[in-house]
Amino acid sequence: MSKTVVFLGDGMADEPIQELNGKTPLEAANTPAMDRIAKCGQSGTLLTLPDGFPTSSDVANLSVLGGDLATELCGRGPLEAASQGIPMGEDDVVFRMNLVSVSPDGILTDFSGGHIGEKEQIEAISLLNSQIADNWKGNDGEYIKFYAGVSYRNLILLHGKAFSGAAVAYDKPDDNSGNQVKEHLPRAKTPDGEYTAKVLNEVIEKASQVLSGRTANGVWPWSGGKAGAIHSIPERYGVKGAIVAAVDVINGLGRVMGLDVIKVPGATGYIDTNYEGKADAALKALADGYDFVYVHIESTDEVSHAQDLKLKLQAIEDFDRRIIKRVMDNAPQGTAFAVLPDHPVPLAIGRHTRTPVPVAICKPGMTPDLVQSYNEKEAPNGALGAMKGSDFMDILLK
């Protein structure tokens, strides 16, 4: 089997923009490396966020990696816990928890807490543990604990038999900037979720008092669950795989799917990330005997949520030149390459959408189709067609 590298630009896909004369950022940006994959291989689309499932990155990346959403989706919290090496017992439920900024009148003004820095983040999590978790009185051995992740991306663990993740409905913070927080609080989907929702809402209220006066002055718990059973990529496809990413949800997903997590110094999950370091980590993985490397970039998603056209174009071009080209120019001969987003984030709305994403694959023995550039307009004309489920991974690795 040939070596294979997947380049995943989180939230990279978009819609036509008037300022770009009706082009998408992918069409307008200078992306010779992505175009090179399209020219030498085949293109198509992949449905990553089907109806009935949350429009979050854990869902989308699980789709890209061939997961069965109906049976394998466990929530974002457990994946990020896996990334951090936090052990989860059968009575543990973990929710992803954003540190957020809320105005005095209760409006969510920033789902990232001003892209909170590490020092301020650690201080905030420490305060939440000392002033909320350590003083919380649960029933029958119950307890709660906060864990720091990367920047605004943190976790809250609820321990106890009465807690549930699946029975709690939630809204995504990055979908609700400008909205009243009180209208989007966790709530029970069934009676089994009533106690969990009550505790989470108590935590939200107390956290606003503990963090008062800070830029990140609130918390937003969401996407909770228990540790679940997800298929192993090495077992299914007979490969030794690795993942190169900055954020815990992607590293955690890779880890539970049997991929080795490669951490890169300076990988921030934002526009200032260590692009060259991530490219070199992928190349080293190939040299060290890995057959499959999944290179994830978060910056394209972050600037899309910020609805910043200039930075989105920059992030796409940085991804193309500083990662994709660098890897393609130095990878072993015969390496297969694929490029795609996990989901769109149109700048016009700054939120994830369910539109199928453009895909290009170039692998040994594949007959090129007529597509000559990589973008949302051209990809649907390619020979790969409209893919769904495990189609992408099956074409790539089988």
Protein backbone atom coordinates (compact mmCIF):
# COMPACT_ATOMS: atom_id res chain seq x y z
CA MET A 1 0.00 0.00 0.00
CA SER A 2 1.24 3.51 -0.82
CA LYS A 3 1.68 6.20 1.82
CA THR A 4 -1.37 8.45 2.20
CA VAL A 5 -1.73 12.01 3.52
CA VAL A 6 -5.08 13.74 4.08
CA PHE A 7 -5.03 17.54 4.29
CA LEU A 8 -8.11 18.72 6.23
CA GLY A 9 -8.88 22.45 6.22
CA ASP A 10 -11.49 22.85 8.94
CA GLY A 11 -14.39 25.06 7.82
CA MET A 12 -12.55 25.95 4.59
CA ALA A 13 -15.53 25.61 2.20
CA ASP A 14 -17.75 28.63 1.66
CA GLU A 15 -20.28 30.20 -0.71
CA PRO A 16 -19.91 32.80 -3.49
CA ILE A 17 -19.08 36.25 -2.12
CA GLN A 18 -19.93 39.54 -3.81
CA GLU A 19 -16.62 41.12 -2.79
CA LEU A 20 -14.86 38.32 -4.70
CA ASN A 21 -16.97 38.86 -7.83
CA GLY A 22 -19.11 35.86 -7.08
CA LYS A 23 -16.22 33.51 -6.26
CA THR A 24 -15.74 31.57 -3.06
CA PRO A 25 -12.57 32.11 -1.01
CA LEU A 26 -11.26 28.77 -2.32
CA GLU A 27 -11.81 29.94 -5.89
CA ALA A 28 -10.25 33.35 -5.27
CA ALA A 29 -7.25 32.22 -3.23
CA ASN A 30 -3.95 31.17 -4.80
CA THR A 31 -3.89 27.40 -4.17
CA PRO A 32 -1.51 25.71 -6.64
CA ALA A 33 -0.87 22.73 -4.34
CA MET A 34 -4.56 21.96 -3.88
CA ASP A 35 -5.08 22.42 -7.61
CA ARG A 36 -2.22 20.01 -8.24
CA ILE A 37 -4.09 17.30 -6.32
CA ALA A 38 -7.22 17.95 -8.38
CA LYS A 39 -5.32 17.91 -11.69
CA CYS A 40 -3.50 14.65 -11.04
CA GLY A 41 -6.46 12.80 -9.58
CA GLN A 42 -10.22 12.87 -9.20
CA SER A 43 -12.69 15.19 -7.48
CA GLY A 44 -16.12 14.94 -5.95
CA THR A 45 -18.09 15.91 -2.85
CA LEU A 46 -18.61 14.34 0.57
CA LEU A 47 -21.65 14.72 2.83
CA THR A 48 -20.19 15.11 6.32
CA LEU A 49 -23.11 16.61 8.27
CA PRO A 50 -26.25 14.68 7.35
CA ASP A 51 -29.64 15.73 8.72
CA GLY A 52 -30.38 14.53 12.21
CA PHE A 53 -26.89 15.07 13.63
CA PRO A 54 -25.23 18.12 15.23
CA THR A 55 -23.31 20.41 12.88
CA SER A 56 -20.13 20.16 14.92
CA SER A 57 -16.56 19.26 14.00
CA ASP A 58 -16.56 15.97 15.90
CA VAL A 59 -19.46 14.81 13.72
CA ALA A 60 -17.87 16.12 10.53
CA ASN A 61 -14.41 14.64 11.13
CA LEU A 62 -15.89 11.32 12.22
CA SER A 63 -17.74 11.35 8.89
CA VAL A 64 -14.55 12.13 6.96
CA LEU A 65 -12.79 9.24 8.70
CA GLY A 66 -15.55 6.82 7.76
CA GLY A 67 -17.40 6.55 11.07
CA ASP A 68 -20.99 5.38 11.39
CA LEU A 69 -22.65 8.39 12.99
CA ALA A 70 -25.70 6.40 14.10
CA THR A 71 -23.65 3.99 16.23
CA GLU A 72 -20.27 5.65 16.89
CA LEU A 73 -21.04 9.27 17.76
CA CYS A 74 -20.26 9.77 21.46
CA GLY A 75 -20.14 13.55 21.88
CA ARG A 76 -17.31 16.04 21.74
CA GLY A 77 -16.52 15.93 25.44
CA PRO A 78 -15.28 12.32 25.58
CA LEU A 79 -13.11 12.84 22.48
CA GLU A 80 -11.38 15.85 23.99
CA ALA A 81 -10.94 13.93 27.25
CA ALA A 82 -9.27 11.14 25.29
CA SER A 83 -6.91 13.67 23.72
CA GLN A 84 -5.87 14.89 27.15
CA GLY A 85 -5.52 11.38 28.55
CA ILE A 86 -8.30 11.95 31.10
CA PRO A 87 -9.57 8.52 32.20
CA MET A 88 -13.34 8.08 32.00
CA GLY A 89 -15.20 5.52 34.05
CA GLU A 90 -18.66 4.16 33.32
CA ASP A 91 -20.23 6.76 35.64
CA ASP A 92 -18.41 9.72 34.04
CA VAL A 93 -19.96 12.17 31.59
CA VAL A 94 -17.76 14.85 30.01
CA PHE A 95 -19.00 18.01 28.29
CA ARG A 96 -16.92 20.35 26.15
CA MET A 97 -16.99 23.72 27.90
CA ASN A 98 -16.16 27.00 26.18
CA LEU A 99 -14.88 29.95 28.15
CA VAL A 100 -17.02 32.72 26.66
CA SER A 101 -17.61 36.47 26.87
CA VAL A 102 -21.06 37.66 27.89
CA SER A 103 -22.29 41.27 27.98
CA PRO A 104 -23.91 42.76 31.12
CA ASP A 105 -27.33 42.24 29.54
CA GLY A 106 -26.71 38.54 28.93
CA ILE A 107 -25.69 38.56 25.26
CA LEU A 108 -23.01 36.13 24.05
CA THR A 109 -20.42 38.46 22.55
CA ASP A 110 -17.55 36.00 21.91
CA PHE A 111 -17.73 32.19 21.91
CA SER A 112 -13.91 32.08 22.35
CA GLY A 113 -13.62 34.43 25.33
CA GLY A 114 -11.48 36.76 23.26
CA HIS A 115 -9.33 33.81 22.15
CA ILE A 116 -8.22 33.56 25.75
CA GLY A 117 -4.50 33.01 26.29
CA GLU A 118 -3.02 30.09 28.20
CA LYS A 119 -2.22 32.02 31.38
CA GLU A 120 -5.71 33.49 31.69
CA GLN A 121 -7.27 30.15 30.76
CA ILE A 122 -5.39 28.23 33.46
CA GLU A 123 -6.32 30.89 36.02
CA ALA A 124 -9.98 30.66 35.06
CA ILE A 125 -10.10 26.86 35.25
CA SER A 126 -8.29 26.96 38.59
CA LEU A 127 -10.87 29.40 39.95
CA LEU A 128 -13.74 27.24 38.71
CA ASN A 129 -12.26 24.20 40.43
CA SER A 130 -11.50 25.94 43.72
CA GLN A 131 -14.69 27.97 44.01
CA ILE A 132 -17.25 25.71 42.34
CA ALA A 133 -16.05 22.10 41.98
CA ASP A 134 -14.40 21.87 45.41
CA ASN A 135 -17.50 23.28 47.11
CA TRP A 136 -20.12 21.34 45.15
CA LYS A 137 -22.13 18.85 47.16
CA GLY A 138 -23.50 15.98 45.09
CA ASN A 139 -25.40 12.85 46.00
CA ASP A 140 -23.91 9.40 46.61
CA GLY A 141 -20.29 10.17 45.75
CA GLU A 142 -21.02 12.53 42.88
CA TYR A 143 -18.49 15.21 42.00
CA ILE A 144 -17.60 17.62 39.21
CA LYS A 145 -14.21 18.72 37.90
CA PHE A 146 -12.98 21.23 35.31
CA TYR A 147 -10.08 20.51 32.94
CA ALA A 148 -8.10 23.02 30.87
CA GLY A 149 -7.71 22.27 27.16
CA VAL A 150 -6.47 24.66 24.46
CA SER A 151 -7.43 28.34 24.83
CA TYR A 152 -11.22 28.60 25.20
CA ARG A 153 -11.75 24.86 24.63
CA ASN A 154 -12.10 23.22 28.03
CA LEU A 155 -13.98 20.38 29.75
CA ILE A 156 -16.29 19.72 32.66
CA LEU A 157 -16.53 16.16 34.01
CA LEU A 158 -19.60 15.03 35.94
CA HIS A 159 -19.15 11.85 37.96
CA GLY A 160 -22.19 9.94 39.15
CA LYS A 161 -24.74 7.37 38.03
CA ALA A 162 -27.48 10.00 37.65
CA PHE A 163 -25.62 12.03 35.03
CA SER A 164 -26.34 11.74 31.30
CA GLY A 165 -24.94 13.30 28.16
CA ALA A 166 -27.23 11.78 25.57
CA ALA A 167 -30.38 12.98 27.35
CA VAL A 168 -29.29 16.65 27.40
CA ALA A 169 -30.04 19.00 24.50
CA TYR A 170 -27.54 21.77 23.82
CA ASP A 171 -26.82 24.60 21.39
CA LYS A 172 -23.38 25.31 19.94
CA PRO A 173 -21.80 28.53 21.22
CA ASP A 174 -20.26 29.42 17.85
CA ASP A 175 -23.78 29.42 16.36
CA ASN A 176 -25.13 31.92 18.87
CA SER A 177 -22.98 35.03 18.97
CA GLY A 178 -25.26 38.01 19.56
CA ASN A 179 -27.97 35.91 21.21
CA GLN A 180 -29.23 35.81 24.78
CA VAL A 181 -27.41 33.10 26.72
CA LYS A 182 -30.50 32.33 28.82
CA GLU A 183 -32.36 31.26 25.67
CA HIS A 184 -29.75 28.60 24.83
CA LEU A 185 -29.05 26.88 28.14
CA PRO A 186 -28.65 23.08 28.42
CA ARG A 187 -32.04 21.37 28.77
CA ALA A 188 -33.37 17.86 29.15
CA LYS A 189 -34.43 15.91 26.08
CA THR A 190 -35.94 13.23 28.31
CA PRO A 191 -36.54 12.90 32.05
CA ASP A 192 -33.15 11.17 32.34
CA GLY A 193 -31.47 14.45 31.44
CA GLU A 194 -33.28 16.73 33.90
CA TYR A 195 -30.76 16.38 36.73
CA THR A 196 -27.74 16.85 34.46
CA ALA A 197 -29.26 19.96 32.86
CA LYS A 198 -30.04 21.36 36.33
CA VAL A 199 -26.44 20.90 37.48
CA LEU A 200 -25.00 22.40 34.29
CA ASN A 201 -27.22 25.46 34.62
CA GLU A 202 -26.14 25.89 38.23
CA VAL A 203 -22.52 25.76 37.06
CA ILE A 204 -23.18 28.37 34.36
CA GLU A 205 -24.77 30.72 36.91
CA LYS A 206 -22.00 30.30 39.49
CA ALA A 207 -19.25 30.61 36.87
CA SER A 208 -20.57 34.03 35.84
CA GLN A 209 -20.00 35.17 39.42
CA VAL A 210 -16.58 33.53 39.79
CA LEU A 211 -15.29 34.92 36.49
CA SER A 212 -16.90 38.35 36.77
CA GLY A 213 -14.66 41.17 35.55
CA ARG A 214 -12.67 38.98 33.15
CA THR A 215 -12.87 39.07 29.35
CA ALA A 216 -13.84 35.40 29.45
CA ASN A 217 -16.53 35.83 32.08
CA GLY A 218 -18.73 32.81 31.48
CA VAL A 219 -18.88 29.14 30.53
CA TRP A 220 -20.90 27.30 27.90
CA PRO A 221 -21.04 23.50 28.33
CA TRP A 222 -22.14 21.45 25.30
CA SER A 223 -21.78 18.14 23.41
CA GLY A 224 -21.49 15.83 26.39
CA GLY A 225 -21.32 12.07 26.47
CA LYS A 226 -19.76 8.90 27.78
CA ALA A 227 -16.80 7.05 26.32
CA GLY A 228 -18.04 5.06 23.34
CA ALA A 229 -16.91 2.36 20.93
CA ILE A 230 -15.52 3.69 17.64
CA HIS A 231 -13.93 1.56 14.93
CA SER A 232 -10.16 1.37 14.53
CA ILE A 233 -8.76 2.73 11.27
CA PRO A 234 -5.62 0.53 11.48
CA GLU A 235 -7.77 -2.57 11.95
CA ARG A 236 -10.24 -1.70 9.20
CA TYR A 237 -7.70 -0.66 6.57
CA GLY A 238 -4.51 -2.39 7.64
CA VAL A 239 -2.50 0.82 8.05
CA LYS A 240 -0.34 2.39 10.71
CA GLY A 241 -1.82 5.87 11.15
CA ALA A 242 -1.02 9.20 12.78
CA ILE A 243 -2.80 12.49 13.28
CA VAL A 244 -1.28 15.99 13.33
CA ALA A 245 -3.64 18.56 14.85
CA ALA A 246 -3.72 21.35 17.42
CA VAL A 247 -7.15 20.93 19.01
CA ASP A 248 -8.23 18.28 21.48
CA VAL A 249 -11.40 17.18 19.71
CA ILE A 250 -9.46 16.13 16.60
CA ASN A 251 -6.58 14.58 18.53
CA GLY A 252 -9.06 12.74 20.73
CA LEU A 253 -11.00 11.43 17.74
CA GLY A 254 -7.76 10.25 16.16
CA ARG A 255 -6.66 8.54 19.36
CA VAL A 256 -9.91 6.59 19.85
CA MET A 257 -9.79 5.57 16.16
CA GLY A 258 -6.34 4.05 16.63
CA LEU A 259 -4.19 6.87 15.24
CA ASP A 260 -1.06 8.00 17.05
CA VAL A 261 -1.25 11.68 18.07
CA ILE A 262 1.75 13.78 17.05
CA LYS A 263 1.96 17.04 18.99
CA VAL A 264 3.67 20.01 17.33
CA PRO A 265 5.19 22.87 19.38
CA GLY A 266 3.55 26.14 18.42
CA ALA A 267 0.41 24.54 16.98
CA THR A 268 -2.19 26.95 18.32
CA GLY A 269 -5.38 26.16 16.43
CA TYR A 270 -5.40 29.72 15.07
CA ILE A 271 -3.96 31.90 12.32
CA ASP A 272 -0.59 32.05 14.07
CA THR A 273 -0.13 28.27 14.16
CA ASN A 274 3.16 26.56 13.33
CA TYR A 275 2.33 25.56 9.73
CA GLU A 276 5.84 24.42 8.83
CA GLY A 277 6.11 22.44 12.04
CA LYS A 278 2.92 20.55 11.20
CA ALA A 279 4.15 19.84 7.66
CA ASP A 280 7.49 18.59 8.94
CA ALA A 281 5.74 16.41 11.54
CA ALA A 282 3.74 14.78 8.76
CA LEU A 283 6.88 14.17 6.71
CA LYS A 284 8.67 12.69 9.71
CA ALA A 285 5.71 10.39 10.34
CA LEU A 286 5.93 9.10 6.77
CA ALA A 287 9.67 8.55 7.19
CA ASP A 288 9.09 6.77 10.50
CA GLY A 289 6.87 4.11 8.96
CA TYR A 290 3.37 5.54 9.16
CA ASP A 291 1.16 4.64 6.19
CA PHE A 292 -1.64 7.15 6.83
CA VAL A 293 -1.28 10.72 8.15
CA TYR A 294 -4.22 13.04 8.83
CA VAL A 295 -3.10 16.68 8.89
CA HIS A 296 -5.77 18.95 10.37
CA ILE A 297 -5.68 22.75 10.33
CA GLU A 298 -8.03 24.77 12.54
CA SER A 299 -7.20 28.34 11.47
CA THR A 300 -9.53 28.28 8.46
CA ASP A 301 -12.45 27.49 10.76
CA GLU A 302 -11.64 30.14 13.35
CA VAL A 303 -11.37 33.01 10.88
CA SER A 304 -14.56 31.85 9.15
CA HIS A 305 -16.47 32.04 12.42
CA ALA A 306 -15.01 35.53 12.84
CA GLN A 307 -16.39 36.35 9.35
CA ASP A 308 -13.03 37.80 8.32
CA LEU A 309 -12.57 37.51 4.55
CA LYS A 310 -9.00 38.79 4.50
CA LEU A 311 -7.87 36.29 7.12
CA LYS A 312 -9.78 33.44 5.47
CA LEU A 313 -7.95 34.02 2.20
CA GLN A 314 -4.68 34.22 4.13
CA ALA A 315 -5.41 31.02 6.07
CA ILE A 316 -6.27 29.09 2.89
CA GLU A 317 -3.11 30.28 1.12
CA ASP A 318 -0.95 29.56 4.18
CA PHE A 319 -2.41 26.05 4.35
CA ASP A 320 -1.70 25.52 0.66
CA ARG A 321 1.84 26.92 0.56
CA ARG A 322 3.19 26.23 4.03
CA ILE A 323 1.74 22.77 4.61
CA ILE A 324 0.35 21.08 1.50
CA LYS A 325 3.10 22.16 -0.92
CA ARG A 326 5.82 21.49 1.65
CA VAL A 327 4.56 17.95 2.26
CA MET A 328 3.90 17.14 -1.41
CA ASP A 329 7.34 18.37 -2.48
CA ASN A 330 9.14 16.24 0.10
CA ALA A 331 6.99 13.13 0.57
CA PRO A 332 8.15 9.73 -0.71
CA GLN A 333 7.45 9.08 -4.39
CA GLY A 334 4.09 7.42 -4.91
CA THR A 335 2.43 9.01 -1.87
CA ALA A 336 -1.33 9.49 -2.23
CA PHE A 337 -2.82 12.88 -1.28
CA ALA A 338 -6.32 14.13 -0.52
CA VAL A 339 -7.64 17.56 0.38
CA LEU A 340 -11.02 18.55 1.80
CA PRO A 341 -12.76 20.53 4.56
CA ASP A 342 -14.79 18.82 7.25
CA HIS A 343 -17.70 21.21 6.72
CA PRO A 344 -18.37 24.68 5.26
CA VAL A 345 -18.40 27.85 7.34
CA PRO A 346 -19.79 30.54 5.03
CA LEU A 347 -18.47 33.97 5.96
CA ALA A 348 -21.93 35.44 5.44
CA ILE A 349 -23.27 33.64 8.52
CA GLY A 350 -20.16 32.46 10.40
CA ARG A 351 -21.70 29.06 11.18
CA HIS A 352 -21.33 25.46 10.04
CA THR A 353 -23.66 24.31 7.26
CA ARG A 354 -24.61 20.86 5.95
CA THR A 355 -23.57 21.49 2.34
CA PRO A 356 -21.40 18.61 1.03
CA VAL A 357 -17.72 19.57 0.92
CA PRO A 358 -15.38 19.54 -2.11
CA VAL A 359 -12.89 16.66 -2.24
CA ALA A 360 -9.85 15.92 -4.39
CA ILE A 361 -7.84 12.69 -4.29
CA CYS A 362 -4.62 11.89 -6.16
CA LYS A 363 -3.28 8.36 -5.72
CA PRO A 364 -1.15 5.96 -7.74
CA GLY A 365 -3.14 4.19 -10.44
CA MET A 366 -6.02 6.67 -10.38
CA THR A 367 -7.05 7.95 -13.81
CA PRO A 368 -7.37 11.76 -13.69
CA ASP A 369 -10.74 13.28 -14.47
CA LEU A 370 -11.27 16.62 -16.23
CA VAL A 371 -11.27 18.81 -13.09
CA GLN A 372 -8.29 21.17 -13.11
CA SER A 373 -8.74 23.18 -9.92
CA TYR A 374 -9.86 22.52 -6.37
CA ASN A 375 -12.94 24.43 -5.19
CA GLU A 376 -16.65 24.13 -4.48
CA LYS A 377 -17.67 24.90 -8.08
CA GLU A 378 -15.45 22.38 -9.86
CA ALA A 379 -15.41 19.42 -7.46
CA PRO A 380 -19.00 18.26 -8.13
CA ASN A 381 -18.03 17.71 -11.79
CA GLY A 382 -15.39 15.12 -10.88
CA ALA A 383 -15.39 11.36 -11.25
CA LEU A 384 -15.72 10.66 -7.51
CA GLY A 385 -19.32 11.90 -7.55
CA ALA A 386 -21.40 12.54 -4.45
CA MET A 387 -19.81 10.49 -1.67
CA LYS A 388 -21.26 9.72 1.76
CA GLY A 389 -20.59 7.40 4.69
CA SER A 390 -17.23 5.65 4.40
CA ASP A 391 -16.93 6.24 0.63
CA PHE A 392 -14.03 8.70 0.97
CA MET A 393 -11.89 6.48 3.20
CA ASP A 394 -12.73 3.36 1.18
CA ILE A 395 -11.62 5.02 -2.07
CA LEU A 396 -8.51 6.36 -0.40
CA LEU A 397 -7.30 3.25 1.45
CA LYS A 398 -8.89 0.16 -0.08
